[in-house]
Amino acid sequence: MILIDPPNAAGHGRLWSHLASDTSLAELHAFAEGLGFSRRGFDRDHYDVPSEWYADVVAAGAEPVSSRELVRRLVAGGLRVRKPRTGGTA
């Protein structure tokens, strides 16, 4: 299933949502491509979606869920890809 969380991630002077699939990356890429999204918006396990596109993405069939639920379902589906740790001490 295609999921989208609320536009609550700030970056580059905007608010962003995350578009993901709890089924497969192929499903996610096909959905995003159908909306005209560039692969440049893909980040490991989700697409970044500007807040002004949120309503259109939901209208196209994405299920609105909380950010916590989106991550939970990515993890449960084995699709969560975490950012590599950088810096710090061992």
C-alpha atoms as a PDB file:
ATOM      1  CA  MET A   1       0.000   0.000   0.000  1.00  0.00           C
ATOM      2  CA  ILE A   2       1.183   3.545  -0.727  1.00  0.00           C
ATOM      3  CA  LEU A   3       1.447   5.734   2.386  1.00  0.00           C
ATOM      4  CA  ILE A   4       2.010   9.444   2.989  1.00  0.00           C
ATOM      5  CA  ASP A   5       2.639  11.208   6.275  1.00  0.00           C
ATOM      6  CA  PRO A   6       1.657  14.807   7.082  1.00  0.00           C
ATOM      7  CA  PRO A   7       3.868  17.600   5.758  1.00  0.00           C
ATOM      8  CA  ASN A   8       5.796  18.162   8.989  1.00  0.00           C
ATOM      9  CA  ALA A   9       9.456  17.781   8.005  1.00  0.00           C
ATOM     10  CA  ALA A  10      11.105  21.163   7.475  1.00  0.00           C
ATOM     11  CA  GLY A  11      13.799  21.662   4.877  1.00  0.00           C
ATOM     12  CA  HIS A  12      14.858  24.177   2.261  1.00  0.00           C
ATOM     13  CA  GLY A  13      12.275  26.697   3.473  1.00  0.00           C
ATOM     14  CA  ARG A  14       9.354  24.277   2.986  1.00  0.00           C
ATOM     15  CA  LEU A  15       7.458  21.540   4.756  1.00  0.00           C
ATOM     16  CA  TRP A  16       7.677  18.024   3.355  1.00  0.00           C
ATOM     17  CA  SER A  17       5.784  14.739   3.539  1.00  0.00           C
ATOM     18  CA  HIS A  18       7.228  11.299   2.962  1.00  0.00           C
ATOM     19  CA  LEU A  19       5.700   8.964   0.374  1.00  0.00           C
ATOM     20  CA  ALA A  20       6.431   5.278   0.890  1.00  0.00           C
ATOM     21  CA  SER A  21       5.172   1.772   0.217  1.00  0.00           C
ATOM     22  CA  ASP A  22       4.828  -0.935   2.841  1.00  0.00           C
ATOM     23  CA  THR A  23       4.782  -3.526   0.040  1.00  0.00           C
ATOM     24  CA  SER A  24       7.646  -2.884  -2.386  1.00  0.00           C
ATOM     25  CA  LEU A  25       9.901  -0.242  -3.850  1.00  0.00           C
ATOM     26  CA  ALA A  26       8.605  -1.209  -7.297  1.00  0.00           C
ATOM     27  CA  GLU A  27       5.074  -0.229  -6.196  1.00  0.00           C
ATOM     28  CA  LEU A  28       6.405   3.043  -4.787  1.00  0.00           C
ATOM     29  CA  HIS A  29       8.369   3.958  -7.916  1.00  0.00           C
ATOM     30  CA  ALA A  30       5.407   3.128 -10.186  1.00  0.00           C
ATOM     31  CA  PHE A  31       3.049   5.305  -8.116  1.00  0.00           C
ATOM     32  CA  ALA A  32       5.525   8.189  -8.002  1.00  0.00           C
ATOM     33  CA  GLU A  33       6.240   7.918 -11.724  1.00  0.00           C
ATOM     34  CA  GLY A  34       2.508   8.020 -12.446  1.00  0.00           C
ATOM     35  CA  LEU A  35       2.381  11.373 -10.651  1.00  0.00           C
ATOM     36  CA  GLY A  36       5.366  12.689 -12.599  1.00  0.00           C
ATOM     37  CA  PHE A  37       7.808  12.598  -9.668  1.00  0.00           C
ATOM     38  CA  SER A  38      11.496  12.623 -10.468  1.00  0.00           C
ATOM     39  CA  ARG A  39      13.699   9.860  -9.044  1.00  0.00           C
ATOM     40  CA  ARG A  40      15.778  12.712  -7.584  1.00  0.00           C
ATOM     41  CA  GLY A  41      13.062  12.949  -4.914  1.00  0.00           C
ATOM     42  CA  PHE A  42      13.715   9.355  -3.798  1.00  0.00           C
ATOM     43  CA  ASP A  43      15.707   9.011  -0.572  1.00  0.00           C
ATOM     44  CA  ARG A  44      16.595   5.423   0.428  1.00  0.00           C
ATOM     45  CA  ASP A  45      13.034   4.226   1.173  1.00  0.00           C
ATOM     46  CA  HIS A  46      10.715   7.146   0.430  1.00  0.00           C
ATOM     47  CA  TYR A  47      10.051  10.126  -1.807  1.00  0.00           C
ATOM     48  CA  ASP A  48      10.097  13.620  -0.354  1.00  0.00           C
ATOM     49  CA  VAL A  49       6.869  15.424  -1.277  1.00  0.00           C
ATOM     50  CA  PRO A  50       6.405  19.193  -0.834  1.00  0.00           C
ATOM     51  CA  SER A  51       3.402  20.179   1.270  1.00  0.00           C
ATOM     52  CA  GLU A  52       1.603  21.820  -1.643  1.00  0.00           C
ATOM     53  CA  TRP A  53       1.400  18.419  -3.407  1.00  0.00           C
ATOM     54  CA  TYR A  54       0.012  16.542  -0.368  1.00  0.00           C
ATOM     55  CA  ALA A  55      -3.694  16.790  -1.287  1.00  0.00           C
ATOM     56  CA  ASP A  56      -3.040  15.674  -4.885  1.00  0.00           C
ATOM     57  CA  VAL A  57      -1.038  12.649  -3.730  1.00  0.00           C
ATOM     58  CA  VAL A  58      -3.822  11.628  -1.321  1.00  0.00           C
ATOM     59  CA  ALA A  59      -6.396  12.137  -4.096  1.00  0.00           C
ATOM     60  CA  ALA A  60      -4.293   9.836  -6.319  1.00  0.00           C
ATOM     61  CA  GLY A  61      -4.640   7.042  -3.757  1.00  0.00           C
ATOM     62  CA  ALA A  62      -1.957   7.387  -1.092  1.00  0.00           C
ATOM     63  CA  GLU A  63      -3.184   6.511   2.401  1.00  0.00           C
ATOM     64  CA  PRO A  64      -2.599   9.309   4.932  1.00  0.00           C
ATOM     65  CA  VAL A  65      -0.894   7.975   8.066  1.00  0.00           C
ATOM     66  CA  SER A  66       1.102   9.486  10.898  1.00  0.00           C
ATOM     67  CA  SER A  67       4.862   9.704  10.557  1.00  0.00           C
ATOM     68  CA  ARG A  68       5.211   7.085  13.298  1.00  0.00           C
ATOM     69  CA  GLU A  69       2.825   4.724  11.478  1.00  0.00           C
ATOM     70  CA  LEU A  70       4.670   5.205   8.181  1.00  0.00           C
ATOM     71  CA  VAL A  71       7.975   4.184   9.790  1.00  0.00           C
ATOM     72  CA  ARG A  72       6.345   1.281  11.653  1.00  0.00           C
ATOM     73  CA  ARG A  73       4.925  -0.095   8.415  1.00  0.00           C
ATOM     74  CA  LEU A  74       8.215   0.334   6.546  1.00  0.00           C
ATOM     75  CA  VAL A  75       9.982  -1.621   9.288  1.00  0.00           C
ATOM     76  CA  ALA A  76       7.284  -4.324   9.350  1.00  0.00           C
ATOM     77  CA  GLY A  77       7.521  -4.669   5.559  1.00  0.00           C
ATOM     78  CA  GLY A  78      11.317  -4.956   5.669  1.00  0.00           C
ATOM     79  CA  LEU A  79      11.666  -1.807   3.556  1.00  0.00           C
ATOM     80  CA  ARG A  80      13.089   0.661   6.094  1.00  0.00           C
ATOM     81  CA  VAL A  81      16.569   1.893   5.169  1.00  0.00           C
ATOM     82  CA  ARG A  82      18.214   3.911   7.921  1.00  0.00           C
ATOM     83  CA  LYS A  83      20.726   6.665   7.314  1.00  0.00           C
ATOM     84  CA  PRO A  84      24.291   5.499   7.902  1.00  0.00           C
ATOM     85  CA  ARG A  85      25.827   6.819  11.087  1.00  0.00           C
ATOM     86  CA  THR A  86      28.455   9.462  10.541  1.00  0.00           C
ATOM     87  CA  GLY A  87      31.092  10.905  12.836  1.00  0.00           C
ATOM     88  CA  GLY A  88      31.055  10.204  16.530  1.00  0.00           C
ATOM     89  CA  THR A  89      33.447   8.104  18.538  1.00  0.00           C
ATOM     90  CA  ALA A  90      33.729   4.374  18.761  1.00  0.00           C
END
